[in-house]
Amino acid sequence: MTQPDRAPGGRRLRPAGHALVTMLIALGLALFLNSDALLKTAERQPLGSTMRGLTVGIMDPIAAVGDALLLDRPRAFLDDLLGKADGGGAVAATTTTSTTATTMAGATTTTTSSTVPVTRLYTEDDPLKLWIVGDSFVEFVAPVLRSDLAETGVVDTETDFRFSSGLIRRDVFDWPAHVTGRLPEVMPDVVIAQFGGNDGQEVNVNGVLVAPEDQAWQDLYLGRVLELADVLLGSGVERVYWLGLPIMRNQAFDARVRIMNSVYAEAAASRDGVTFIDVHSLFQDSSGEFSTYLEDASGRLVAVRTPDGAHYTLEGATLLANHLAEMLTVDLGLPTG
């Protein structure tokens, strides 16, 4: 006896398998949409626990795919609308000194550095080897900068970034170890680094959880920054350009960003060959506040930040990359035109 393909009311009946497939697709999409939040929850599990190792191992590649395909952006946008914080409580930020003024799109920014002279003239036969490393903030900036510098004809660029990575949690990803292993292969002359998007979180110091507002956290983070800088400089890298983080829409998150930026500036001031680039003010509007939209080089108002209020759009990455290209061209004596 054949089964009817319609319910008594005339509605078409669907095989149970279709409903199961639909449910699995919905669950999978939800997993990707919430991947960043789920990964952060997994990373907050007690260090060394079996549950943490299992959940981080599962969610890390899923979050990487979700981030690469921008599947996590709707959730970030919704969180922002609901006023959910990305970081801890607000705190006054420390300031930096030893500054050099530069401009981009009408904004004023600063750099902090211990400058060393250019050691050689870069040519097509003996090009500058530039290595760009960092977290997801590097994702769009690196390819645009590579394109900009390719016009000089004397720069070879390689990029190495990792989603959901940083310097504060080595159990998630150990950047000093990774860089040490890759340096003999890459052999860079100059390195551009940008971290911090995932670093503004509590960390265990001698059995006590400390937050970025605590001096113990800042001392630890300064040590991590200096460690990576020393690994690079000790391998023969001539210069390290350390990018700070941009201003954030979420005020609590931005307060922690200011703390991390002050640490980067302090590290740069204590190491010859390290330059801190103040990206925070670079993305402020004329009132010094966060804005999704800024003027580009031609005076057009363009969206420079993604809906999460943190990452760069392609236009934002282009603004930063163009600024970096101009600075590096002057600083390193690269050919123009």
C-alpha atoms as a PDB file:
ATOM      1  CA  MET A   1       0.000   0.000   0.000  1.00  0.00           C
ATOM      2  CA  THR A   2       1.482   3.352  -1.030  1.00  0.00           C
ATOM      3  CA  GLN A   3       1.760   6.156   1.490  1.00  0.00           C
ATOM      4  CA  PRO A   4      -0.077   9.422   0.699  1.00  0.00           C
ATOM      5  CA  ASP A   5       2.177  12.334  -0.266  1.00  0.00           C
ATOM      6  CA  ARG A   6      -0.204  14.927   1.176  1.00  0.00           C
ATOM      7  CA  ALA A   7      -1.730  15.492   4.595  1.00  0.00           C
ATOM      8  CA  PRO A   8      -5.519  15.563   4.943  1.00  0.00           C
ATOM      9  CA  GLY A   9      -5.535  19.353   4.671  1.00  0.00           C
ATOM     10  CA  GLY A  10      -3.724  19.252   1.333  1.00  0.00           C
ATOM     11  CA  ARG A  11      -0.242  20.121   2.686  1.00  0.00           C
ATOM     12  CA  ARG A  12       2.513  18.148   0.958  1.00  0.00           C
ATOM     13  CA  LEU A  13       4.262  15.675   3.215  1.00  0.00           C
ATOM     14  CA  ARG A  14       8.074  15.805   3.332  1.00  0.00           C
ATOM     15  CA  PRO A  15      10.253  12.739   3.914  1.00  0.00           C
ATOM     16  CA  ALA A  16      11.763  12.590   7.389  1.00  0.00           C
ATOM     17  CA  GLY A  17      15.222  12.628   5.839  1.00  0.00           C
ATOM     18  CA  HIS A  18      14.621  16.080   4.367  1.00  0.00           C
ATOM     19  CA  ALA A  19      13.764  17.465   7.771  1.00  0.00           C
ATOM     20  CA  LEU A  20      16.895  15.913   9.257  1.00  0.00           C
ATOM     21  CA  VAL A  21      19.117  17.378   6.551  1.00  0.00           C
ATOM     22  CA  THR A  22      17.517  20.801   7.022  1.00  0.00           C
ATOM     23  CA  MET A  23      18.101  20.615  10.768  1.00  0.00           C
ATOM     24  CA  LEU A  24      21.749  19.610  10.318  1.00  0.00           C
ATOM     25  CA  ILE A  25      22.345  22.458   7.872  1.00  0.00           C
ATOM     26  CA  ALA A  26      20.782  24.923  10.321  1.00  0.00           C
ATOM     27  CA  LEU A  27      22.908  23.616  13.183  1.00  0.00           C
ATOM     28  CA  GLY A  28      26.049  23.806  11.058  1.00  0.00           C
ATOM     29  CA  LEU A  29      25.312  27.381  10.016  1.00  0.00           C
ATOM     30  CA  ALA A  30      24.653  28.349  13.616  1.00  0.00           C
ATOM     31  CA  LEU A  31      27.984  26.806  14.594  1.00  0.00           C
ATOM     32  CA  PHE A  32      29.861  28.963  12.078  1.00  0.00           C
ATOM     33  CA  LEU A  33      27.860  32.104  12.901  1.00  0.00           C
ATOM     34  CA  ASN A  34      28.773  31.744  16.587  1.00  0.00           C
ATOM     35  CA  SER A  35      32.241  30.242  16.063  1.00  0.00           C
ATOM     36  CA  ASP A  36      34.225  33.141  17.551  1.00  0.00           C
ATOM     37  CA  ALA A  37      32.063  33.272  20.670  1.00  0.00           C
ATOM     38  CA  LEU A  38      32.225  29.496  21.089  1.00  0.00           C
ATOM     39  CA  LEU A  39      36.013  29.513  20.649  1.00  0.00           C
ATOM     40  CA  LYS A  40      36.414  32.249  23.257  1.00  0.00           C
ATOM     41  CA  THR A  41      34.227  30.249  25.647  1.00  0.00           C
ATOM     42  CA  ALA A  42      36.400  27.187  25.045  1.00  0.00           C
ATOM     43  CA  GLU A  43      39.593  29.168  25.622  1.00  0.00           C
ATOM     44  CA  ARG A  44      38.295  30.385  28.978  1.00  0.00           C
ATOM     45  CA  GLN A  45      38.137  26.827  30.324  1.00  0.00           C
ATOM     46  CA  PRO A  46      40.801  26.021  32.969  1.00  0.00           C
ATOM     47  CA  LEU A  47      44.256  25.768  31.455  1.00  0.00           C
ATOM     48  CA  GLY A  48      45.400  22.177  31.057  1.00  0.00           C
ATOM     49  CA  SER A  49      41.923  20.690  31.426  1.00  0.00           C
ATOM     50  CA  THR A  50      40.811  17.871  29.129  1.00  0.00           C
ATOM     51  CA  MET A  51      37.592  19.705  28.259  1.00  0.00           C
ATOM     52  CA  ARG A  52      39.488  22.838  27.222  1.00  0.00           C
ATOM     53  CA  GLY A  53      41.920  20.933  25.035  1.00  0.00           C
ATOM     54  CA  LEU A  54      39.079  19.075  23.323  1.00  0.00           C
ATOM     55  CA  THR A  55      36.795  22.066  22.722  1.00  0.00           C
ATOM     56  CA  VAL A  56      39.582  24.407  21.577  1.00  0.00           C
ATOM     57  CA  GLY A  57      40.847  21.713  19.211  1.00  0.00           C
ATOM     58  CA  ILE A  58      37.377  21.429  17.674  1.00  0.00           C
ATOM     59  CA  MET A  59      36.460  25.115  17.557  1.00  0.00           C
ATOM     60  CA  ASP A  60      39.780  26.627  16.432  1.00  0.00           C
ATOM     61  CA  PRO A  61      39.609  25.390  12.798  1.00  0.00           C
ATOM     62  CA  ILE A  62      35.858  26.091  12.653  1.00  0.00           C
ATOM     63  CA  ALA A  63      36.436  29.671  13.852  1.00  0.00           C
ATOM     64  CA  ALA A  64      39.222  30.101  11.298  1.00  0.00           C
ATOM     65  CA  VAL A  65      36.883  29.079   8.468  1.00  0.00           C
ATOM     66  CA  GLY A  66      34.053  31.234   9.808  1.00  0.00           C
ATOM     67  CA  ASP A  67      36.385  34.236  10.105  1.00  0.00           C
ATOM     68  CA  ALA A  68      37.849  33.720   6.629  1.00  0.00           C
ATOM     69  CA  LEU A  69      34.359  33.537   5.067  1.00  0.00           C
ATOM     70  CA  LEU A  70      33.076  36.401   7.267  1.00  0.00           C
ATOM     71  CA  LEU A  71      30.359  34.092   8.621  1.00  0.00           C
ATOM     72  CA  ASP A  72      30.941  35.436  12.127  1.00  0.00           C
ATOM     73  CA  ARG A  73      30.171  39.036  11.151  1.00  0.00           C
ATOM     74  CA  PRO A  74      26.353  38.869  11.580  1.00  0.00           C
ATOM     75  CA  ARG A  75      26.760  37.671  15.177  1.00  0.00           C
ATOM     76  CA  ALA A  76      29.333  40.380  15.864  1.00  0.00           C
ATOM     77  CA  PHE A  77      26.994  42.989  14.383  1.00  0.00           C
ATOM     78  CA  LEU A  78      24.091  41.792  16.542  1.00  0.00           C
ATOM     79  CA  ASP A  79      26.256  41.798  19.666  1.00  0.00           C
ATOM     80  CA  ASP A  80      27.292  45.340  18.905  1.00  0.00           C
ATOM     81  CA  LEU A  81      23.670  46.456  18.485  1.00  0.00           C
ATOM     82  CA  LEU A  82      22.822  44.873  21.820  1.00  0.00           C
ATOM     83  CA  GLY A  83      25.756  46.603  23.483  1.00  0.00           C
ATOM     84  CA  LYS A  84      27.615  43.455  24.427  1.00  0.00           C
ATOM     85  CA  ALA A  85      31.191  44.229  25.466  1.00  0.00           C
ATOM     86  CA  ASP A  86      34.240  42.738  23.803  1.00  0.00           C
ATOM     87  CA  GLY A  87      36.460  43.399  26.760  1.00  0.00           C
ATOM     88  CA  GLY A  88      36.444  44.238  30.452  1.00  0.00           C
ATOM     89  CA  GLY A  89      35.702  47.410  32.318  1.00  0.00           C
ATOM     90  CA  ALA A  90      36.879  50.785  31.109  1.00  0.00           C
ATOM     91  CA  VAL A  91      40.086  52.225  32.502  1.00  0.00           C
ATOM     92  CA  ALA A  92      42.181  55.302  31.849  1.00  0.00           C
ATOM     93  CA  ALA A  93      44.994  54.631  29.414  1.00  0.00           C
ATOM     94  CA  THR A  94      48.614  55.564  29.821  1.00  0.00           C
ATOM     95  CA  THR A  95      50.253  57.896  27.330  1.00  0.00           C
ATOM     96  CA  THR A  96      53.402  57.619  25.246  1.00  0.00           C
ATOM     97  CA  THR A  97      56.198  59.975  24.346  1.00  0.00           C
ATOM     98  CA  SER A  98      58.905  60.326  21.692  1.00  0.00           C
ATOM     99  CA  THR A  99      56.600  61.084  18.780  1.00  0.00           C
ATOM    100  CA  THR A 100      56.840  61.907  15.086  1.00  0.00           C
ATOM    101  CA  ALA A 101      53.792  63.400  13.363  1.00  0.00           C
ATOM    102  CA  THR A 102      52.425  61.907  10.154  1.00  0.00           C
ATOM    103  CA  THR A 103      49.068  62.251   8.444  1.00  0.00           C
ATOM    104  CA  MET A 104      46.485  60.162   6.593  1.00  0.00           C
ATOM    105  CA  ALA A 105      43.004  61.189   5.530  1.00  0.00           C
ATOM    106  CA  GLY A 106      43.384  64.336   7.611  1.00  0.00           C
ATOM    107  CA  ALA A 107      44.223  62.440  10.819  1.00  0.00           C
ATOM    108  CA  THR A 108      47.352  62.883  12.922  1.00  0.00           C
ATOM    109  CA  THR A 109      49.231  59.888  14.230  1.00  0.00           C
ATOM    110  CA  THR A 110      52.463  59.241  16.078  1.00  0.00           C
ATOM    111  CA  THR A 111      55.311  56.806  16.062  1.00  0.00           C
ATOM    112  CA  THR A 112      57.625  55.811  18.881  1.00  0.00           C
ATOM    113  CA  SER A 113      60.968  54.340  17.980  1.00  0.00           C
ATOM    114  CA  SER A 114      64.674  53.913  18.483  1.00  0.00           C
ATOM    115  CA  THR A 115      65.800  54.479  14.917  1.00  0.00           C
ATOM    116  CA  VAL A 116      68.694  52.712  13.243  1.00  0.00           C
ATOM    117  CA  PRO A 117      70.105  53.819   9.873  1.00  0.00           C
ATOM    118  CA  VAL A 118      69.401  51.998   6.622  1.00  0.00           C
ATOM    119  CA  THR A 119      72.275  49.561   6.098  1.00  0.00           C
ATOM    120  CA  ARG A 120      72.047  49.010   2.349  1.00  0.00           C
ATOM    121  CA  LEU A 121      70.416  50.117  -0.877  1.00  0.00           C
ATOM    122  CA  TYR A 122      67.647  47.756  -1.933  1.00  0.00           C
ATOM    123  CA  THR A 123      67.615  46.837  -5.617  1.00  0.00           C
ATOM    124  CA  GLU A 124      65.789  44.472  -7.958  1.00  0.00           C
ATOM    125  CA  ASP A 125      68.700  42.036  -7.670  1.00  0.00           C
ATOM    126  CA  ASP A 126      69.001  42.498  -3.909  1.00  0.00           C
ATOM    127  CA  PRO A 127      65.440  43.262  -2.747  1.00  0.00           C
ATOM    128  CA  LEU A 128      64.083  44.078   0.669  1.00  0.00           C
ATOM    129  CA  LYS A 129      62.600  40.969   2.260  1.00  0.00           C
ATOM    130  CA  LEU A 130      59.522  42.069   4.196  1.00  0.00           C
ATOM    131  CA  TRP A 131      57.696  39.714   6.543  1.00  0.00           C
ATOM    132  CA  ILE A 132      54.235  40.636   7.867  1.00  0.00           C
ATOM    133  CA  VAL A 133      53.089  38.679  10.932  1.00  0.00           C
ATOM    134  CA  GLY A 134      50.127  38.917  13.255  1.00  0.00           C
ATOM    135  CA  ASP A 135      46.512  38.046  13.984  1.00  0.00           C
ATOM    136  CA  SER A 136      43.337  38.652  11.965  1.00  0.00           C
ATOM    137  CA  PHE A 137      43.980  42.410  11.798  1.00  0.00           C
ATOM    138  CA  VAL A 138      46.736  41.651   9.274  1.00  0.00           C
ATOM    139  CA  GLU A 139      44.404  39.713   6.965  1.00  0.00           C
ATOM    140  CA  PHE A 140      43.403  42.520   4.587  1.00  0.00           C
ATOM    141  CA  VAL A 141      46.263  44.956   5.224  1.00  0.00           C
ATOM    142  CA  ALA A 142      49.017  42.565   4.124  1.00  0.00           C
ATOM    143  CA  PRO A 143      47.897  41.940   0.505  1.00  0.00           C
ATOM    144  CA  VAL A 144      47.201  45.637  -0.118  1.00  0.00           C
ATOM    145  CA  LEU A 145      50.585  46.637   1.299  1.00  0.00           C
ATOM    146  CA  ARG A 146      52.258  43.956  -0.780  1.00  0.00           C
ATOM    147  CA  SER A 147      50.630  45.391  -3.907  1.00  0.00           C
ATOM    148  CA  ASP A 148      51.640  48.950  -2.973  1.00  0.00           C
ATOM    149  CA  LEU A 149      55.277  48.034  -2.344  1.00  0.00           C
ATOM    150  CA  ALA A 150      55.494  45.840  -5.441  1.00  0.00           C
ATOM    151  CA  GLU A 151      55.424  49.054  -7.452  1.00  0.00           C
ATOM    152  CA  THR A 152      58.878  49.916  -6.109  1.00  0.00           C
ATOM    153  CA  GLY A 153      60.312  46.822  -7.801  1.00  0.00           C
ATOM    154  CA  VAL A 154      62.636  46.154  -4.858  1.00  0.00           C
ATOM    155  CA  VAL A 155      60.431  44.522  -2.191  1.00  0.00           C
ATOM    156  CA  ASP A 156      59.592  40.833  -1.728  1.00  0.00           C
ATOM    157  CA  THR A 157      56.750  40.389   0.777  1.00  0.00           C
ATOM    158  CA  GLU A 158      55.620  37.322   2.712  1.00  0.00           C
ATOM    159  CA  THR A 159      52.699  37.156   5.133  1.00  0.00           C
ATOM    160  CA  ASP A 160      52.105  34.861   8.113  1.00  0.00           C
ATOM    161  CA  PHE A 161      48.963  35.490  10.176  1.00  0.00           C
ATOM    162  CA  ARG A 162      46.844  33.317  12.437  1.00  0.00           C
ATOM    163  CA  PHE A 163      43.202  33.811  13.379  1.00  0.00           C
ATOM    164  CA  SER A 164      42.383  33.837  17.107  1.00  0.00           C
ATOM    165  CA  SER A 165      46.072  34.090  18.023  1.00  0.00           C
ATOM    166  CA  GLY A 166      48.046  36.564  20.101  1.00  0.00           C
ATOM    167  CA  LEU A 167      50.906  36.905  22.562  1.00  0.00           C
ATOM    168  CA  ILE A 168      49.161  36.541  25.916  1.00  0.00           C
ATOM    169  CA  ARG A 169      48.025  32.906  25.552  1.00  0.00           C
ATOM    170  CA  ARG A 170      50.812  30.618  24.365  1.00  0.00           C
ATOM    171  CA  ASP A 171      48.609  27.598  24.903  1.00  0.00           C
ATOM    172  CA  VAL A 172      46.492  28.868  21.996  1.00  0.00           C
ATOM    173  CA  PHE A 173      49.413  29.709  19.692  1.00  0.00           C
ATOM    174  CA  ASP A 174      53.094  30.235  20.533  1.00  0.00           C
ATOM    175  CA  TRP A 175      54.278  33.060  18.289  1.00  0.00           C
ATOM    176  CA  PRO A 176      57.900  33.269  19.532  1.00  0.00           C
ATOM    177  CA  ALA A 177      58.348  29.531  18.909  1.00  0.00           C
ATOM    178  CA  HIS A 178      56.660  29.760  15.508  1.00  0.00           C
ATOM    179  CA  VAL A 179      58.754  32.761  14.436  1.00  0.00           C
ATOM    180  CA  THR A 180      61.957  31.120  15.639  1.00  0.00           C
ATOM    181  CA  GLY A 181      61.200  28.072  13.514  1.00  0.00           C
ATOM    182  CA  ARG A 182      60.403  30.067  10.374  1.00  0.00           C
ATOM    183  CA  LEU A 183      63.159  32.693  10.510  1.00  0.00           C
ATOM    184  CA  PRO A 184      65.828  30.529   8.794  1.00  0.00           C
ATOM    185  CA  GLU A 185      63.409  29.980   5.921  1.00  0.00           C
ATOM    186  CA  VAL A 186      62.081  33.534   5.538  1.00  0.00           C
ATOM    187  CA  MET A 187      65.264  35.468   6.433  1.00  0.00           C
ATOM    188  CA  PRO A 188      63.506  38.877   6.512  1.00  0.00           C
ATOM    189  CA  ASP A 189      65.223  42.245   6.510  1.00  0.00           C
ATOM    190  CA  VAL A 190      62.197  44.065   7.908  1.00  0.00           C
ATOM    191  CA  VAL A 191      59.169  42.797   9.876  1.00  0.00           C
ATOM    192  CA  ILE A 192      55.748  44.378  10.353  1.00  0.00           C
ATOM    193  CA  ALA A 193      53.835  42.960  13.328  1.00  0.00           C
ATOM    194  CA  GLN A 194      50.312  43.546  14.612  1.00  0.00           C
ATOM    195  CA  PHE A 195      48.792  41.665  17.527  1.00  0.00           C
ATOM    196  CA  GLY A 196      46.355  42.311  20.337  1.00  0.00           C
ATOM    197  CA  GLY A 197      42.931  41.600  18.908  1.00  0.00           C
ATOM    198  CA  ASN A 198      42.682  38.516  21.134  1.00  0.00           C
ATOM    199  CA  ASP A 199      45.043  39.594  23.915  1.00  0.00           C
ATOM    200  CA  GLY A 200      42.827  41.815  26.066  1.00  0.00           C
ATOM    201  CA  GLN A 201      41.779  39.005  28.385  1.00  0.00           C
ATOM    202  CA  GLU A 202      42.577  37.788  31.865  1.00  0.00           C
ATOM    203  CA  VAL A 203      45.549  35.486  32.268  1.00  0.00           C
ATOM    204  CA  ASN A 204      46.924  33.324  35.053  1.00  0.00           C
ATOM    205  CA  VAL A 205      49.994  34.830  36.725  1.00  0.00           C
ATOM    206  CA  ASN A 206      51.405  32.726  39.565  1.00  0.00           C
ATOM    207  CA  GLY A 207      48.018  31.159  40.239  1.00  0.00           C
ATOM    208  CA  VAL A 208      46.099  34.446  40.163  1.00  0.00           C
ATOM    209  CA  LEU A 209      43.913  35.668  37.314  1.00  0.00           C
ATOM    210  CA  VAL A 210      44.940  39.206  36.358  1.00  0.00           C
ATOM    211  CA  ALA A 211      43.334  41.570  33.846  1.00  0.00           C
ATOM    212  CA  PRO A 212      44.943  44.128  31.503  1.00  0.00           C
ATOM    213  CA  GLU A 213      44.157  46.857  34.035  1.00  0.00           C
ATOM    214  CA  ASP A 214      46.560  45.172  36.501  1.00  0.00           C
ATOM    215  CA  GLN A 215      50.251  46.067  36.521  1.00  0.00           C
ATOM    216  CA  ALA A 216      51.165  42.370  36.712  1.00  0.00           C
ATOM    217  CA  TRP A 217      49.364  41.776  33.403  1.00  0.00           C
ATOM    218  CA  GLN A 218      51.063  44.748  31.769  1.00  0.00           C
ATOM    219  CA  ASP A 219      54.500  43.590  32.972  1.00  0.00           C
ATOM    220  CA  LEU A 220      53.828  40.108  31.582  1.00  0.00           C
ATOM    221  CA  TYR A 221      52.608  41.480  28.263  1.00  0.00           C
ATOM    222  CA  LEU A 222      55.590  43.810  27.937  1.00  0.00           C
ATOM    223  CA  GLY A 223      57.829  40.788  28.442  1.00  0.00           C
ATOM    224  CA  ARG A 224      55.991  38.890  25.689  1.00  0.00           C
ATOM    225  CA  VAL A 225      56.313  41.801  23.242  1.00  0.00           C
ATOM    226  CA  LEU A 226      60.002  42.275  24.012  1.00  0.00           C
ATOM    227  CA  GLU A 227      60.624  38.549  23.703  1.00  0.00           C
ATOM    228  CA  LEU A 228      59.259  38.449  20.164  1.00  0.00           C
ATOM    229  CA  ALA A 229      61.075  41.666  19.236  1.00  0.00           C
ATOM    230  CA  ASP A 230      64.351  40.245  20.559  1.00  0.00           C
ATOM    231  CA  VAL A 231      63.858  37.002  18.629  1.00  0.00           C
ATOM    232  CA  LEU A 232      63.482  39.018  15.438  1.00  0.00           C
ATOM    233  CA  LEU A 233      66.297  41.476  16.071  1.00  0.00           C
ATOM    234  CA  GLY A 234      68.607  38.706  17.256  1.00  0.00           C
ATOM    235  CA  SER A 235      68.177  36.884  13.943  1.00  0.00           C
ATOM    236  CA  GLY A 236      69.469  39.811  11.922  1.00  0.00           C
ATOM    237  CA  VAL A 237      66.193  41.635  11.202  1.00  0.00           C
ATOM    238  CA  GLU A 238      67.128  45.271  10.641  1.00  0.00           C
ATOM    239  CA  ARG A 239      63.859  46.839  11.681  1.00  0.00           C
ATOM    240  CA  VAL A 240      60.570  45.851  13.297  1.00  0.00           C
ATOM    241  CA  TYR A 241      57.519  48.032  12.731  1.00  0.00           C
ATOM    242  CA  TRP A 242      54.992  47.257  15.467  1.00  0.00           C
ATOM    243  CA  LEU A 243      51.475  48.364  14.611  1.00  0.00           C
ATOM    244  CA  GLY A 244      49.207  49.336  17.451  1.00  0.00           C
ATOM    245  CA  LEU A 245      45.493  48.571  17.383  1.00  0.00           C
ATOM    246  CA  PRO A 246      42.900  51.003  16.016  1.00  0.00           C
ATOM    247  CA  ILE A 247      40.271  52.758  18.097  1.00  0.00           C
ATOM    248  CA  MET A 248      37.367  50.426  18.889  1.00  0.00           C
ATOM    249  CA  ARG A 249      33.638  51.154  18.942  1.00  0.00           C
ATOM    250  CA  ASN A 250      33.146  49.309  22.225  1.00  0.00           C
ATOM    251  CA  GLN A 251      34.511  51.623  24.921  1.00  0.00           C
ATOM    252  CA  ALA A 252      35.453  48.867  27.355  1.00  0.00           C
ATOM    253  CA  PHE A 253      37.384  47.024  24.652  1.00  0.00           C
ATOM    254  CA  ASP A 254      38.984  50.295  23.518  1.00  0.00           C
ATOM    255  CA  ALA A 255      40.185  51.003  27.053  1.00  0.00           C
ATOM    256  CA  ARG A 256      42.114  47.724  27.007  1.00  0.00           C
ATOM    257  CA  VAL A 257      43.378  48.467  23.489  1.00  0.00           C
ATOM    258  CA  ARG A 258      44.847  51.727  24.804  1.00  0.00           C
ATOM    259  CA  ILE A 259      46.661  49.789  27.519  1.00  0.00           C
ATOM    260  CA  MET A 260      48.127  47.361  24.982  1.00  0.00           C
ATOM    261  CA  ASN A 261      49.147  50.211  22.689  1.00  0.00           C
ATOM    262  CA  SER A 262      51.025  51.843  25.546  1.00  0.00           C
ATOM    263  CA  VAL A 263      52.883  48.567  26.102  1.00  0.00           C
ATOM    264  CA  TYR A 264      53.883  48.395  22.416  1.00  0.00           C
ATOM    265  CA  ALA A 265      55.134  51.985  22.555  1.00  0.00           C
ATOM    266  CA  GLU A 266      57.135  51.264  25.708  1.00  0.00           C
ATOM    267  CA  ALA A 267      58.707  48.211  24.090  1.00  0.00           C
ATOM    268  CA  ALA A 268      59.633  50.177  20.960  1.00  0.00           C
ATOM    269  CA  ALA A 269      61.238  52.932  23.001  1.00  0.00           C
ATOM    270  CA  SER A 270      63.489  50.389  24.719  1.00  0.00           C
ATOM    271  CA  ARG A 271      64.778  48.558  21.627  1.00  0.00           C
ATOM    272  CA  ASP A 272      66.921  49.968  18.820  1.00  0.00           C
ATOM    273  CA  GLY A 273      65.376  49.045  15.506  1.00  0.00           C
ATOM    274  CA  VAL A 274      61.764  48.804  16.762  1.00  0.00           C
ATOM    275  CA  THR A 275      59.203  51.420  15.695  1.00  0.00           C
ATOM    276  CA  PHE A 276      55.717  51.677  17.148  1.00  0.00           C
ATOM    277  CA  ILE A 277      53.069  52.961  14.731  1.00  0.00           C
ATOM    278  CA  ASP A 278      50.028  54.556  16.339  1.00  0.00           C
ATOM    279  CA  VAL A 279      47.100  53.119  14.389  1.00  0.00           C
ATOM    280  CA  HIS A 280      44.630  54.126  17.107  1.00  0.00           C
ATOM    281  CA  SER A 281      44.570  57.815  16.235  1.00  0.00           C
ATOM    282  CA  LEU A 282      44.863  56.984  12.547  1.00  0.00           C
ATOM    283  CA  PHE A 283      41.279  55.679  12.615  1.00  0.00           C
ATOM    284  CA  GLN A 284      39.784  58.407  14.794  1.00  0.00           C
ATOM    285  CA  ASP A 285      37.429  60.972  13.273  1.00  0.00           C
ATOM    286  CA  SER A 286      37.977  64.731  13.454  1.00  0.00           C
ATOM    287  CA  SER A 287      36.607  64.708  17.009  1.00  0.00           C
ATOM    288  CA  GLY A 288      38.938  61.934  18.125  1.00  0.00           C
ATOM    289  CA  GLU A 289      36.097  59.414  18.301  1.00  0.00           C
ATOM    290  CA  PHE A 290      35.357  56.084  16.655  1.00  0.00           C
ATOM    291  CA  SER A 291      33.692  56.264  13.255  1.00  0.00           C
ATOM    292  CA  THR A 292      32.722  53.541  10.824  1.00  0.00           C
ATOM    293  CA  TYR A 293      33.283  56.038   7.994  1.00  0.00           C
ATOM    294  CA  LEU A 294      36.366  58.127   7.198  1.00  0.00           C
ATOM    295  CA  GLU A 295      37.573  60.045   4.169  1.00  0.00           C
ATOM    296  CA  ASP A 296      39.957  58.222   1.843  1.00  0.00           C
ATOM    297  CA  ALA A 297      42.840  59.841  -0.049  1.00  0.00           C
ATOM    298  CA  SER A 298      40.453  61.302  -2.631  1.00  0.00           C
ATOM    299  CA  GLY A 299      38.133  62.793  -0.024  1.00  0.00           C
ATOM    300  CA  ARG A 300      35.365  60.200  -0.413  1.00  0.00           C
ATOM    301  CA  LEU A 301      33.585  59.044   2.731  1.00  0.00           C
ATOM    302  CA  VAL A 302      34.082  55.264   2.893  1.00  0.00           C
ATOM    303  CA  ALA A 303      33.345  52.522   5.428  1.00  0.00           C
ATOM    304  CA  VAL A 304      36.679  51.630   7.014  1.00  0.00           C
ATOM    305  CA  ARG A 305      35.470  49.322   9.826  1.00  0.00           C
ATOM    306  CA  THR A 306      33.399  46.145   9.719  1.00  0.00           C
ATOM    307  CA  PRO A 307      30.071  45.795  11.586  1.00  0.00           C
ATOM    308  CA  ASP A 308      31.865  44.289  14.596  1.00  0.00           C
ATOM    309  CA  GLY A 309      33.339  47.732  15.311  1.00  0.00           C
ATOM    310  CA  ALA A 310      36.859  46.318  15.404  1.00  0.00           C
ATOM    311  CA  HIS A 311      38.280  44.892  12.168  1.00  0.00           C
ATOM    312  CA  TYR A 312      39.138  46.812   9.011  1.00  0.00           C
ATOM    313  CA  THR A 313      37.068  46.683   5.879  1.00  0.00           C
ATOM    314  CA  LEU A 314      39.011  46.449   2.621  1.00  0.00           C
ATOM    315  CA  GLU A 315      38.791  50.243   2.370  1.00  0.00           C
ATOM    316  CA  GLY A 316      40.108  50.594   5.906  1.00  0.00           C
ATOM    317  CA  ALA A 317      42.934  48.165   5.215  1.00  0.00           C
ATOM    318  CA  THR A 318      43.767  50.140   2.082  1.00  0.00           C
ATOM    319  CA  LEU A 319      44.002  53.391   4.047  1.00  0.00           C
ATOM    320  CA  LEU A 320      46.387  51.792   6.542  1.00  0.00           C
ATOM    321  CA  ALA A 321      48.422  49.974   3.900  1.00  0.00           C
ATOM    322  CA  ASN A 322      48.827  53.147   1.828  1.00  0.00           C
ATOM    323  CA  HIS A 323      50.025  54.987   4.914  1.00  0.00           C
ATOM    324  CA  LEU A 324      52.515  52.234   5.712  1.00  0.00           C
ATOM    325  CA  ALA A 325      53.800  52.123   2.139  1.00  0.00           C
ATOM    326  CA  GLU A 326      54.466  55.856   2.169  1.00  0.00           C
ATOM    327  CA  MET A 327      56.243  55.644   5.520  1.00  0.00           C
ATOM    328  CA  LEU A 328      58.369  52.633   4.575  1.00  0.00           C
ATOM    329  CA  THR A 329      59.330  54.204   1.242  1.00  0.00           C
ATOM    330  CA  VAL A 330      60.745  57.253   3.029  1.00  0.00           C
ATOM    331  CA  ASP A 331      62.151  55.387   6.036  1.00  0.00           C
ATOM    332  CA  LEU A 332      63.957  52.690   4.032  1.00  0.00           C
ATOM    333  CA  GLY A 333      64.953  54.763   1.022  1.00  0.00           C
ATOM    334  CA  LEU A 334      62.824  52.797  -1.449  1.00  0.00           C
ATOM    335  CA  PRO A 335      62.463  54.116  -5.023  1.00  0.00           C
ATOM    336  CA  THR A 336      59.314  56.035  -5.950  1.00  0.00           C
ATOM    337  CA  GLY A 337      57.489  56.535  -9.230  1.00  0.00           C
END
